[in-house]
Amino acid sequence: MHEAMASWNIETFLAINAILGGAAFIASLTGFGYALVGIPFLVLLFPPNIAVPMIMISWLPLSVLLTWEARRGLSGKQIAYWLAGGIIGLPLGIYGLARIDQVTMRELIGALTLLVALVLWLKPRQAFKKEILPSVGAGIISGIMGGASGMSGPAVVLFGINQGWDKERFRANIIGYIAALNLLTLIIFRSYGMLDAATAVLGASALPGIFLGYAGGIRAKDRLEQEQFRKLAFALVALGGIWALVRH
């Protein structure tokens, strides 16, 4: 029997739905944060090599709903720049997840995330006038982090904050990019043998909580003002960095 299914019971089902329902609420509100919120709690139930694919596969139905809802604000060029970098970084991150010491990788990712977030928080932002190369660079870092930990959002979120984008543009582009990158991640997970039917069943079991979280997040998002959105984005990125540093 698959190790993730060995301890399956109603308590596990309810815990998965509560965790991913909360993650779906945050992701629907901001456009990102699904893995940042979900992974720290899922790894209390499952090892990282199961929790990360679960996050990726359970994100699929939510990403369809969010992409459709945000479709009018999507910028194909911006998403393509990020994705060009993400495609480079993604295999490196997945290789790290499969082969490299997890504690070392988490600490490096956490320290880098917190450092960049702190610099942007304390210093006045200096937006890049030419966004192409910085966008690709952010995509590479995002791909590495996404493959290694499921948390592909921080690098591109910090890029968007630095550029001072308005909330709707910010949210729509993050949604479109993460949806595309996570689909690629699942394909590569499959080729590494890290995704199977049992993991898919675990991810699908969270659908009730995910749909409830989506409905709540969509209802709340229009009440979130620009500065509140920026602060929440920073808080979520910092949460991911702190978790990566302290968890052993």
C-alpha atoms as a PDB file:
ATOM      1  CA  MET A   1       0.000   0.000   0.000  1.00  0.00           C
ATOM      2  CA  HIS A   2       1.201   3.530  -0.801  1.00  0.00           C
ATOM      3  CA  GLU A   3       2.792   5.089   2.319  1.00  0.00           C
ATOM      4  CA  ALA A   4       0.506   8.120   2.091  1.00  0.00           C
ATOM      5  CA  MET A   5      -2.592   5.931   2.175  1.00  0.00           C
ATOM      6  CA  ALA A   6      -1.480   3.678   5.010  1.00  0.00           C
ATOM      7  CA  SER A   7      -2.757   6.050   7.705  1.00  0.00           C
ATOM      8  CA  TRP A   8      -5.812   7.283   5.773  1.00  0.00           C
ATOM      9  CA  ASN A   9      -8.904   7.889   7.907  1.00  0.00           C
ATOM     10  CA  ILE A  10     -11.678  10.428   8.375  1.00  0.00           C
ATOM     11  CA  GLU A  11      -9.472  12.627  10.574  1.00  0.00           C
ATOM     12  CA  THR A  12      -6.868  12.792   7.795  1.00  0.00           C
ATOM     13  CA  PHE A  13      -9.592  13.637   5.260  1.00  0.00           C
ATOM     14  CA  LEU A  14     -10.893  16.484   7.421  1.00  0.00           C
ATOM     15  CA  ALA A  15      -7.385  17.782   8.123  1.00  0.00           C
ATOM     16  CA  ILE A  16      -6.499  17.823   4.401  1.00  0.00           C
ATOM     17  CA  ASN A  17      -9.699  19.723   3.583  1.00  0.00           C
ATOM     18  CA  ALA A  18      -9.154  22.245   6.378  1.00  0.00           C
ATOM     19  CA  ILE A  19      -5.538  22.875   5.340  1.00  0.00           C
ATOM     20  CA  LEU A  20      -6.126  23.150   1.604  1.00  0.00           C
ATOM     21  CA  GLY A  21      -9.410  24.991   2.090  1.00  0.00           C
ATOM     22  CA  GLY A  22      -7.524  27.682   4.001  1.00  0.00           C
ATOM     23  CA  ALA A  23      -4.796  27.701   1.350  1.00  0.00           C
ATOM     24  CA  ALA A  24      -7.429  28.071  -1.396  1.00  0.00           C
ATOM     25  CA  PHE A  25      -8.961  31.044   0.430  1.00  0.00           C
ATOM     26  CA  ILE A  26      -5.614  32.867   0.535  1.00  0.00           C
ATOM     27  CA  ALA A  27      -4.795  31.985  -3.087  1.00  0.00           C
ATOM     28  CA  SER A  28      -8.206  33.204  -4.276  1.00  0.00           C
ATOM     29  CA  LEU A  29      -7.760  36.424  -2.325  1.00  0.00           C
ATOM     30  CA  THR A  30      -4.228  37.264  -3.498  1.00  0.00           C
ATOM     31  CA  GLY A  31      -3.522  35.043  -6.518  1.00  0.00           C
ATOM     32  CA  PHE A  32      -0.750  33.139  -4.723  1.00  0.00           C
ATOM     33  CA  GLY A  33       0.072  31.596  -1.354  1.00  0.00           C
ATOM     34  CA  TYR A  34      -1.537  28.176  -1.897  1.00  0.00           C
ATOM     35  CA  ALA A  35       1.688  26.282  -1.284  1.00  0.00           C
ATOM     36  CA  LEU A  36       3.004  28.827   1.239  1.00  0.00           C
ATOM     37  CA  VAL A  37      -0.010  28.166   3.445  1.00  0.00           C
ATOM     38  CA  GLY A  38      -0.578  24.502   2.616  1.00  0.00           C
ATOM     39  CA  ILE A  39       2.906  22.964   2.680  1.00  0.00           C
ATOM     40  CA  PRO A  40       3.862  23.792   6.312  1.00  0.00           C
ATOM     41  CA  PHE A  41       0.761  21.954   7.540  1.00  0.00           C
ATOM     42  CA  LEU A  42       0.696  19.129   5.006  1.00  0.00           C
ATOM     43  CA  VAL A  43       4.214  18.055   5.987  1.00  0.00           C
ATOM     44  CA  LEU A  44       2.854  17.377   9.469  1.00  0.00           C
ATOM     45  CA  LEU A  45       0.760  14.640   7.833  1.00  0.00           C
ATOM     46  CA  PHE A  46       2.990  13.475   4.960  1.00  0.00           C
ATOM     47  CA  PRO A  47       6.698  13.592   3.991  1.00  0.00           C
ATOM     48  CA  PRO A  48       7.777  16.369   1.575  1.00  0.00           C
ATOM     49  CA  ASN A  49       8.038  14.037  -1.440  1.00  0.00           C
ATOM     50  CA  ILE A  50       4.292  13.366  -1.040  1.00  0.00           C
ATOM     51  CA  ALA A  51       3.142  16.771   0.262  1.00  0.00           C
ATOM     52  CA  VAL A  52       4.672  18.757  -2.623  1.00  0.00           C
ATOM     53  CA  PRO A  53       3.061  16.671  -5.423  1.00  0.00           C
ATOM     54  CA  MET A  54      -0.228  16.806  -3.475  1.00  0.00           C
ATOM     55  CA  ILE A  55      -0.070  20.598  -3.497  1.00  0.00           C
ATOM     56  CA  MET A  56       0.614  20.624  -7.229  1.00  0.00           C
ATOM     57  CA  ILE A  57      -2.223  18.288  -8.181  1.00  0.00           C
ATOM     58  CA  SER A  58      -4.813  19.791  -5.828  1.00  0.00           C
ATOM     59  CA  TRP A  59      -3.991  23.240  -7.258  1.00  0.00           C
ATOM     60  CA  LEU A  60      -5.159  22.221 -10.754  1.00  0.00           C
ATOM     61  CA  PRO A  61      -8.942  22.668 -10.308  1.00  0.00           C
ATOM     62  CA  LEU A  62      -8.405  25.862  -8.334  1.00  0.00           C
ATOM     63  CA  SER A  63      -6.081  27.246 -11.016  1.00  0.00           C
ATOM     64  CA  VAL A  64      -8.738  26.671 -13.692  1.00  0.00           C
ATOM     65  CA  LEU A  65     -11.302  28.623 -11.658  1.00  0.00           C
ATOM     66  CA  LEU A  66      -8.886  31.436 -10.810  1.00  0.00           C
ATOM     67  CA  THR A  67      -7.486  31.767 -14.342  1.00  0.00           C
ATOM     68  CA  TRP A  68     -10.984  32.056 -15.785  1.00  0.00           C
ATOM     69  CA  GLU A  69     -11.972  34.607 -13.137  1.00  0.00           C
ATOM     70  CA  ALA A  70      -8.804  36.702 -13.745  1.00  0.00           C
ATOM     71  CA  ARG A  71      -8.653  36.246 -17.538  1.00  0.00           C
ATOM     72  CA  ARG A  72      -9.246  39.923 -18.415  1.00  0.00           C
ATOM     73  CA  GLY A  73      -6.185  41.047 -16.459  1.00  0.00           C
ATOM     74  CA  LEU A  74      -3.717  38.469 -17.823  1.00  0.00           C
ATOM     75  CA  SER A  75      -0.616  39.697 -19.643  1.00  0.00           C
ATOM     76  CA  GLY A  76       0.657  36.986 -21.972  1.00  0.00           C
ATOM     77  CA  LYS A  77       4.049  38.686 -22.381  1.00  0.00           C
ATOM     78  CA  GLN A  78       4.741  38.975 -18.650  1.00  0.00           C
ATOM     79  CA  ILE A  79       3.700  35.377 -18.012  1.00  0.00           C
ATOM     80  CA  ALA A  80       5.885  34.219 -20.930  1.00  0.00           C
ATOM     81  CA  TYR A  81       8.951  36.010 -19.507  1.00  0.00           C
ATOM     82  CA  TRP A  82       8.497  34.394 -16.111  1.00  0.00           C
ATOM     83  CA  LEU A  83       7.796  31.025 -17.697  1.00  0.00           C
ATOM     84  CA  ALA A  84      10.951  31.215 -19.824  1.00  0.00           C
ATOM     85  CA  GLY A  85      12.944  31.426 -16.601  1.00  0.00           C
ATOM     86  CA  GLY A  86      10.749  28.964 -14.737  1.00  0.00           C
ATOM     87  CA  ILE A  87      11.378  26.277 -17.352  1.00  0.00           C
ATOM     88  CA  ILE A  88      15.120  26.647 -16.721  1.00  0.00           C
ATOM     89  CA  GLY A  89      14.873  26.569 -12.932  1.00  0.00           C
ATOM     90  CA  LEU A  90      12.168  23.941 -12.512  1.00  0.00           C
ATOM     91  CA  PRO A  91      14.210  20.789 -13.329  1.00  0.00           C
ATOM     92  CA  LEU A  92      16.977  21.999 -10.997  1.00  0.00           C
ATOM     93  CA  GLY A  93      14.543  22.379  -8.116  1.00  0.00           C
ATOM     94  CA  ILE A  94      12.903  19.014  -8.730  1.00  0.00           C
ATOM     95  CA  TYR A  95      16.313  17.350  -8.902  1.00  0.00           C
ATOM     96  CA  GLY A  96      17.100  18.944  -5.551  1.00  0.00           C
ATOM     97  CA  LEU A  97      13.838  17.681  -4.054  1.00  0.00           C
ATOM     98  CA  ALA A  98      14.669  14.161  -5.196  1.00  0.00           C
ATOM     99  CA  ARG A  99      18.411  14.072  -4.473  1.00  0.00           C
ATOM    100  CA  ILE A 100      19.759  16.854  -2.224  1.00  0.00           C
ATOM    101  CA  ASP A 101      19.591  17.165   1.564  1.00  0.00           C
ATOM    102  CA  GLN A 102      16.228  18.761   2.307  1.00  0.00           C
ATOM    103  CA  VAL A 103      17.267  20.752   5.393  1.00  0.00           C
ATOM    104  CA  THR A 104      20.126  22.483   3.562  1.00  0.00           C
ATOM    105  CA  MET A 105      17.948  23.347   0.586  1.00  0.00           C
ATOM    106  CA  ARG A 106      15.118  24.710   2.759  1.00  0.00           C
ATOM    107  CA  GLU A 107      17.539  26.878   4.740  1.00  0.00           C
ATOM    108  CA  LEU A 108      19.064  28.379   1.598  1.00  0.00           C
ATOM    109  CA  ILE A 109      15.669  29.091   0.071  1.00  0.00           C
ATOM    110  CA  GLY A 110      14.324  30.531   3.323  1.00  0.00           C
ATOM    111  CA  ALA A 111      17.325  32.805   3.897  1.00  0.00           C
ATOM    112  CA  LEU A 112      17.251  34.161   0.335  1.00  0.00           C
ATOM    113  CA  THR A 113      13.496  34.774   0.455  1.00  0.00           C
ATOM    114  CA  LEU A 114      13.654  36.652   3.761  1.00  0.00           C
ATOM    115  CA  LEU A 115      16.669  38.705   2.659  1.00  0.00           C
ATOM    116  CA  VAL A 116      15.033  39.931  -0.545  1.00  0.00           C
ATOM    117  CA  ALA A 117      11.714  40.601   1.218  1.00  0.00           C
ATOM    118  CA  LEU A 118      13.487  42.597   3.944  1.00  0.00           C
ATOM    119  CA  VAL A 119      15.449  44.684   1.427  1.00  0.00           C
ATOM    120  CA  LEU A 120      12.301  45.553  -0.517  1.00  0.00           C
ATOM    121  CA  TRP A 121      10.370  46.338   2.672  1.00  0.00           C
ATOM    122  CA  LEU A 122      13.016  48.686   4.110  1.00  0.00           C
ATOM    123  CA  LYS A 123      14.202  50.426   0.940  1.00  0.00           C
ATOM    124  CA  PRO A 124      12.170  52.505  -1.513  1.00  0.00           C
ATOM    125  CA  ARG A 125      11.534  50.321  -4.525  1.00  0.00           C
ATOM    126  CA  GLN A 126      13.425  51.053  -7.740  1.00  0.00           C
ATOM    127  CA  ALA A 127      11.324  49.612 -10.518  1.00  0.00           C
ATOM    128  CA  PHE A 128      13.142  48.062 -13.462  1.00  0.00           C
ATOM    129  CA  LYS A 129      12.595  50.180 -16.567  1.00  0.00           C
ATOM    130  CA  LYS A 130      13.268  47.167 -18.786  1.00  0.00           C
ATOM    131  CA  GLU A 131      11.449  44.198 -17.315  1.00  0.00           C
ATOM    132  CA  ILE A 132      12.435  41.338 -19.631  1.00  0.00           C
ATOM    133  CA  LEU A 133      15.748  40.147 -18.118  1.00  0.00           C
ATOM    134  CA  PRO A 134      14.704  40.728 -14.489  1.00  0.00           C
ATOM    135  CA  SER A 135      11.456  38.876 -15.224  1.00  0.00           C
ATOM    136  CA  VAL A 136      13.329  35.876 -16.614  1.00  0.00           C
ATOM    137  CA  GLY A 137      15.671  35.951 -13.601  1.00  0.00           C
ATOM    138  CA  ALA A 138      12.729  35.979 -11.210  1.00  0.00           C
ATOM    139  CA  GLY A 139      11.267  33.072 -13.172  1.00  0.00           C
ATOM    140  CA  ILE A 140      14.465  31.021 -12.807  1.00  0.00           C
ATOM    141  CA  ILE A 141      14.468  31.496  -9.025  1.00  0.00           C
ATOM    142  CA  SER A 142      10.744  30.791  -8.920  1.00  0.00           C
ATOM    143  CA  GLY A 143      11.200  27.573 -10.899  1.00  0.00           C
ATOM    144  CA  ILE A 144      13.961  26.329  -8.592  1.00  0.00           C
ATOM    145  CA  MET A 145      11.896  27.098  -5.486  1.00  0.00           C
ATOM    146  CA  GLY A 146       8.743  25.634  -6.996  1.00  0.00           C
ATOM    147  CA  GLY A 147      10.412  22.382  -7.948  1.00  0.00           C
ATOM    148  CA  ALA A 148      12.196  22.048  -4.615  1.00  0.00           C
ATOM    149  CA  SER A 149       9.417  23.079  -2.238  1.00  0.00           C
ATOM    150  CA  GLY A 150       6.206  23.752  -4.192  1.00  0.00           C
ATOM    151  CA  MET A 151       6.537  27.462  -3.313  1.00  0.00           C
ATOM    152  CA  SER A 152       6.998  29.111  -6.716  1.00  0.00           C
ATOM    153  CA  GLY A 153       5.326  32.375  -5.722  1.00  0.00           C
ATOM    154  CA  PRO A 154       7.830  34.402  -3.630  1.00  0.00           C
ATOM    155  CA  ALA A 155      10.306  35.374  -6.383  1.00  0.00           C
ATOM    156  CA  VAL A 156       7.675  36.622  -8.834  1.00  0.00           C
ATOM    157  CA  VAL A 157       5.596  38.189  -6.044  1.00  0.00           C
ATOM    158  CA  LEU A 158       8.584  40.225  -4.879  1.00  0.00           C
ATOM    159  CA  PHE A 159       9.239  41.229  -8.494  1.00  0.00           C
ATOM    160  CA  GLY A 160       5.674  42.484  -8.862  1.00  0.00           C
ATOM    161  CA  ILE A 161       5.883  44.406  -5.583  1.00  0.00           C
ATOM    162  CA  ASN A 162       9.145  46.014  -6.705  1.00  0.00           C
ATOM    163  CA  GLN A 163       7.514  47.141  -9.959  1.00  0.00           C
ATOM    164  CA  GLY A 164       4.608  48.704  -8.092  1.00  0.00           C
ATOM    165  CA  TRP A 165       1.918  46.990 -10.155  1.00  0.00           C
ATOM    166  CA  ASP A 166      -1.701  47.590  -9.294  1.00  0.00           C
ATOM    167  CA  LYS A 167      -3.493  44.834  -7.408  1.00  0.00           C
ATOM    168  CA  GLU A 168      -5.542  43.465 -10.316  1.00  0.00           C
ATOM    169  CA  ARG A 169      -2.622  43.228 -12.741  1.00  0.00           C
ATOM    170  CA  PHE A 170      -0.431  41.735 -10.026  1.00  0.00           C
ATOM    171  CA  ARG A 171      -2.983  39.107  -9.032  1.00  0.00           C
ATOM    172  CA  ALA A 172      -3.925  38.089 -12.589  1.00  0.00           C
ATOM    173  CA  ASN A 173      -0.346  37.607 -13.792  1.00  0.00           C
ATOM    174  CA  ILE A 174       0.635  35.606 -10.705  1.00  0.00           C
ATOM    175  CA  ILE A 175      -2.387  33.323 -11.199  1.00  0.00           C
ATOM    176  CA  GLY A 176      -1.620  32.713 -14.880  1.00  0.00           C
ATOM    177  CA  TYR A 177       2.061  32.072 -14.296  1.00  0.00           C
ATOM    178  CA  ILE A 178       1.657  29.703 -11.350  1.00  0.00           C
ATOM    179  CA  ALA A 179      -1.038  27.753 -13.201  1.00  0.00           C
ATOM    180  CA  ALA A 180       1.279  27.199 -16.173  1.00  0.00           C
ATOM    181  CA  LEU A 181       4.370  26.422 -14.079  1.00  0.00           C
ATOM    182  CA  ASN A 182       2.555  23.958 -11.830  1.00  0.00           C
ATOM    183  CA  LEU A 183       1.243  22.065 -14.849  1.00  0.00           C
ATOM    184  CA  LEU A 184       4.817  21.679 -16.084  1.00  0.00           C
ATOM    185  CA  THR A 185       5.884  20.650 -12.580  1.00  0.00           C
ATOM    186  CA  LEU A 186       3.349  17.827 -12.532  1.00  0.00           C
ATOM    187  CA  ILE A 187       4.607  16.539 -15.877  1.00  0.00           C
ATOM    188  CA  ILE A 188       8.183  16.466 -14.585  1.00  0.00           C
ATOM    189  CA  PHE A 189       7.116  14.921 -11.256  1.00  0.00           C
ATOM    190  CA  ARG A 190       5.519  12.134 -13.260  1.00  0.00           C
ATOM    191  CA  SER A 191       8.743  11.520 -15.184  1.00  0.00           C
ATOM    192  CA  TYR A 192      10.666  11.341 -11.874  1.00  0.00           C
ATOM    193  CA  GLY A 193       8.173   8.782 -10.509  1.00  0.00           C
ATOM    194  CA  MET A 194       7.027  11.225  -7.793  1.00  0.00           C
ATOM    195  CA  LEU A 195       3.392  11.304  -8.862  1.00  0.00           C
ATOM    196  CA  ASP A 196       1.081   8.293  -8.826  1.00  0.00           C
ATOM    197  CA  ALA A 197      -2.598   7.417  -8.528  1.00  0.00           C
ATOM    198  CA  ALA A 198      -2.565   7.367  -4.715  1.00  0.00           C
ATOM    199  CA  THR A 199      -1.102  10.883  -4.514  1.00  0.00           C
ATOM    200  CA  ALA A 200      -3.707  12.056  -7.043  1.00  0.00           C
ATOM    201  CA  VAL A 201      -6.487  10.571  -4.904  1.00  0.00           C
ATOM    202  CA  LEU A 202      -5.156  12.380  -1.848  1.00  0.00           C
ATOM    203  CA  GLY A 203      -5.104  15.667  -3.727  1.00  0.00           C
ATOM    204  CA  ALA A 204      -8.607  15.125  -5.122  1.00  0.00           C
ATOM    205  CA  SER A 205      -9.955  14.362  -1.655  1.00  0.00           C
ATOM    206  CA  ALA A 206      -9.458  18.044  -0.774  1.00  0.00           C
ATOM    207  CA  LEU A 207     -11.903  19.300  -3.438  1.00  0.00           C
ATOM    208  CA  PRO A 208     -14.733  20.137  -0.973  1.00  0.00           C
ATOM    209  CA  GLY A 209     -12.457  22.337   1.123  1.00  0.00           C
ATOM    210  CA  ILE A 210     -10.812  23.880  -1.951  1.00  0.00           C
ATOM    211  CA  PHE A 211     -14.148  24.928  -3.479  1.00  0.00           C
ATOM    212  CA  LEU A 212     -15.299  26.451  -0.180  1.00  0.00           C
ATOM    213  CA  GLY A 213     -12.010  28.320   0.170  1.00  0.00           C
ATOM    214  CA  TYR A 214     -12.259  29.590  -3.398  1.00  0.00           C
ATOM    215  CA  ALA A 215     -15.785  30.903  -2.863  1.00  0.00           C
ATOM    216  CA  GLY A 216     -14.759  32.714   0.318  1.00  0.00           C
ATOM    217  CA  GLY A 217     -11.624  34.238  -1.202  1.00  0.00           C
ATOM    218  CA  ILE A 218     -13.433  35.548  -4.280  1.00  0.00           C
ATOM    219  CA  ARG A 219     -16.058  37.197  -2.092  1.00  0.00           C
ATOM    220  CA  ALA A 220     -13.385  38.869   0.054  1.00  0.00           C
ATOM    221  CA  LYS A 221     -10.898  40.008  -2.605  1.00  0.00           C
ATOM    222  CA  ASP A 222     -12.701  43.194  -3.678  1.00  0.00           C
ATOM    223  CA  ARG A 223     -12.610  44.446  -0.091  1.00  0.00           C
ATOM    224  CA  LEU A 224      -8.805  44.249  -0.020  1.00  0.00           C
ATOM    225  CA  GLU A 225      -7.228  47.655  -0.705  1.00  0.00           C
ATOM    226  CA  GLN A 226      -3.921  48.130  -2.563  1.00  0.00           C
ATOM    227  CA  GLU A 227      -1.754  48.768   0.514  1.00  0.00           C
ATOM    228  CA  GLN A 228      -3.423  45.921   2.426  1.00  0.00           C
ATOM    229  CA  PHE A 229      -2.718  43.660  -0.536  1.00  0.00           C
ATOM    230  CA  ARG A 230       0.958  44.676  -0.537  1.00  0.00           C
ATOM    231  CA  LYS A 231       1.318  44.025   3.203  1.00  0.00           C
ATOM    232  CA  LEU A 232      -0.406  40.655   2.952  1.00  0.00           C
ATOM    233  CA  ALA A 233       1.872  39.684   0.069  1.00  0.00           C
ATOM    234  CA  PHE A 234       4.953  40.545   2.121  1.00  0.00           C
ATOM    235  CA  ALA A 235       3.584  38.654   5.130  1.00  0.00           C
ATOM    236  CA  LEU A 236       2.975  35.492   3.105  1.00  0.00           C
ATOM    237  CA  VAL A 237       6.429  35.592   1.538  1.00  0.00           C
ATOM    238  CA  ALA A 238       8.015  36.107   4.967  1.00  0.00           C
ATOM    239  CA  LEU A 239       5.965  33.217   6.357  1.00  0.00           C
ATOM    240  CA  GLY A 240       7.359  30.917   3.699  1.00  0.00           C
ATOM    241  CA  GLY A 241      10.918  32.048   4.351  1.00  0.00           C
ATOM    242  CA  ILE A 242      10.639  31.658   8.125  1.00  0.00           C
ATOM    243  CA  TRP A 243       9.066  28.220   7.806  1.00  0.00           C
ATOM    244  CA  ALA A 244      11.842  27.068   5.496  1.00  0.00           C
ATOM    245  CA  LEU A 245      14.462  28.218   8.023  1.00  0.00           C
ATOM    246  CA  VAL A 246      12.966  26.835  11.237  1.00  0.00           C
ATOM    247  CA  ARG A 247      11.558  23.498  10.096  1.00  0.00           C
ATOM    248  CA  HIS A 248      13.818  20.454  10.550  1.00  0.00           C
END
